[in-house]
Amino acid sequence: ASFYCFSFFSPKTNKTIIVAITNTGSNYTVTWPTVDWGSAGTPVQRTGAVTDIYTFVQINSVIYGSIRQ
């Protein structure tokens, strides 16, 4: 499996970042920086040729994340 690591460099408070990741037959693994994913915990990207959409917003010093699979 291949691995990808994301980082947020100087994110702006109250600005939204949307990331769409399309997996392939290689089934990539994504590592995120410190993100508050809520009670569901850090999501796991689906395998196969599918797209997962991640949304991030920083409020004060906390980056909140959500996912649409």
C-alpha atoms as a PDB file:
ATOM      1  CA  ALA A   1       0.000   0.000   0.000  1.00  0.00           C
ATOM      2  CA  SER A   2       1.090   3.557  -0.647  1.00  0.00           C
ATOM      3  CA  PHE A   3       0.949   6.243   2.038  1.00  0.00           C
ATOM      4  CA  TYR A   4       0.185   9.951   1.801  1.00  0.00           C
ATOM      5  CA  CYS A   5       0.606  12.446   4.618  1.00  0.00           C
ATOM      6  CA  PHE A   6      -1.136  15.822   4.724  1.00  0.00           C
ATOM      7  CA  SER A   7      -0.256  18.867   6.774  1.00  0.00           C
ATOM      8  CA  PHE A   8      -1.867  22.276   7.161  1.00  0.00           C
ATOM      9  CA  PHE A   9       0.530  25.181   6.853  1.00  0.00           C
ATOM     10  CA  SER A  10      -0.766  28.389   8.452  1.00  0.00           C
ATOM     11  CA  PRO A  11      -4.486  27.661   8.052  1.00  0.00           C
ATOM     12  CA  LYS A  12      -6.743  30.685   8.415  1.00  0.00           C
ATOM     13  CA  THR A  13      -9.389  30.757  11.141  1.00  0.00           C
ATOM     14  CA  ASN A  14     -12.941  30.135   9.872  1.00  0.00           C
ATOM     15  CA  LYS A  15     -11.763  29.223   6.354  1.00  0.00           C
ATOM     16  CA  THR A  16     -12.847  25.899   4.881  1.00  0.00           C
ATOM     17  CA  ILE A  17     -10.567  23.460   3.052  1.00  0.00           C
ATOM     18  CA  ILE A  18     -12.147  20.697   0.964  1.00  0.00           C
ATOM     19  CA  VAL A  19     -10.041  17.743  -0.189  1.00  0.00           C
ATOM     20  CA  ALA A  20     -11.342  15.046  -2.548  1.00  0.00           C
ATOM     21  CA  ILE A  21      -9.239  11.892  -2.652  1.00  0.00           C
ATOM     22  CA  THR A  22      -9.911   9.223  -5.250  1.00  0.00           C
ATOM     23  CA  ASN A  23      -8.465   5.860  -4.373  1.00  0.00           C
ATOM     24  CA  THR A  24      -7.259   3.449  -7.013  1.00  0.00           C
ATOM     25  CA  GLY A  25      -6.518  -0.231  -7.096  1.00  0.00           C
ATOM     26  CA  SER A  26      -3.365   0.635  -5.115  1.00  0.00           C
ATOM     27  CA  ASN A  27      -5.505   1.473  -2.046  1.00  0.00           C
ATOM     28  CA  TYR A  28      -3.634   4.445  -0.591  1.00  0.00           C
ATOM     29  CA  THR A  29      -3.455   5.142   3.135  1.00  0.00           C
ATOM     30  CA  VAL A  30      -3.843   8.775   4.239  1.00  0.00           C
ATOM     31  CA  THR A  31      -2.270  10.186   7.393  1.00  0.00           C
ATOM     32  CA  TRP A  32      -3.757  13.438   8.676  1.00  0.00           C
ATOM     33  CA  PRO A  33      -2.256  15.998  11.047  1.00  0.00           C
ATOM     34  CA  THR A  34      -3.983  16.656  14.383  1.00  0.00           C
ATOM     35  CA  VAL A  35      -7.674  17.014  13.513  1.00  0.00           C
ATOM     36  CA  ASP A  36     -10.755  16.868  15.744  1.00  0.00           C
ATOM     37  CA  TRP A  37     -12.930  14.313  13.920  1.00  0.00           C
ATOM     38  CA  GLY A  38     -15.591  14.303  16.623  1.00  0.00           C
ATOM     39  CA  SER A  39     -16.996  11.204  18.265  1.00  0.00           C
ATOM     40  CA  ALA A  40     -16.572   9.070  15.113  1.00  0.00           C
ATOM     41  CA  GLY A  41     -12.773   9.267  15.342  1.00  0.00           C
ATOM     42  CA  THR A  42     -10.292   9.420  12.481  1.00  0.00           C
ATOM     43  CA  PRO A  43     -11.909   8.084   9.293  1.00  0.00           C
ATOM     44  CA  VAL A  44     -10.443   5.308   7.185  1.00  0.00           C
ATOM     45  CA  GLN A  45     -10.448   5.846   3.450  1.00  0.00           C
ATOM     46  CA  ARG A  46     -12.481   3.323   1.507  1.00  0.00           C
ATOM     47  CA  THR A  47     -10.713   0.891  -0.795  1.00  0.00           C
ATOM     48  CA  GLY A  48     -11.333   0.473  -4.501  1.00  0.00           C
ATOM     49  CA  ALA A  49     -11.860   3.158  -7.139  1.00  0.00           C
ATOM     50  CA  VAL A  50     -13.969   5.518  -4.999  1.00  0.00           C
ATOM     51  CA  THR A  51     -13.748   9.169  -3.931  1.00  0.00           C
ATOM     52  CA  ASP A  52     -13.940  10.358  -0.326  1.00  0.00           C
ATOM     53  CA  ILE A  53     -14.477  14.074   0.354  1.00  0.00           C
ATOM     54  CA  TYR A  54     -12.912  15.615   3.464  1.00  0.00           C
ATOM     55  CA  THR A  55     -13.841  19.046   4.818  1.00  0.00           C
ATOM     56  CA  PHE A  56     -11.721  20.969   7.320  1.00  0.00           C
ATOM     57  CA  VAL A  57     -12.255  24.235   9.170  1.00  0.00           C
ATOM     58  CA  GLN A  58     -10.026  25.842  11.778  1.00  0.00           C
ATOM     59  CA  ILE A  59     -11.723  27.666  14.635  1.00  0.00           C
ATOM     60  CA  ASN A  60      -9.244  29.329  16.968  1.00  0.00           C
ATOM     61  CA  SER A  61      -6.448  26.745  17.255  1.00  0.00           C
ATOM     62  CA  VAL A  62      -8.535  23.617  16.558  1.00  0.00           C
ATOM     63  CA  ILE A  63      -8.937  22.055  13.099  1.00  0.00           C
ATOM     64  CA  TYR A  64     -12.254  20.204  12.769  1.00  0.00           C
ATOM     65  CA  GLY A  65     -12.711  17.552  10.105  1.00  0.00           C
ATOM     66  CA  SER A  66     -15.621  15.722   8.528  1.00  0.00           C
ATOM     67  CA  ILE A  67     -15.922  13.193   5.728  1.00  0.00           C
ATOM     68  CA  ARG A  68     -18.422  12.272   3.041  1.00  0.00           C
ATOM     69  CA  GLN A  69     -17.944   8.700   1.809  1.00  0.00           C
END
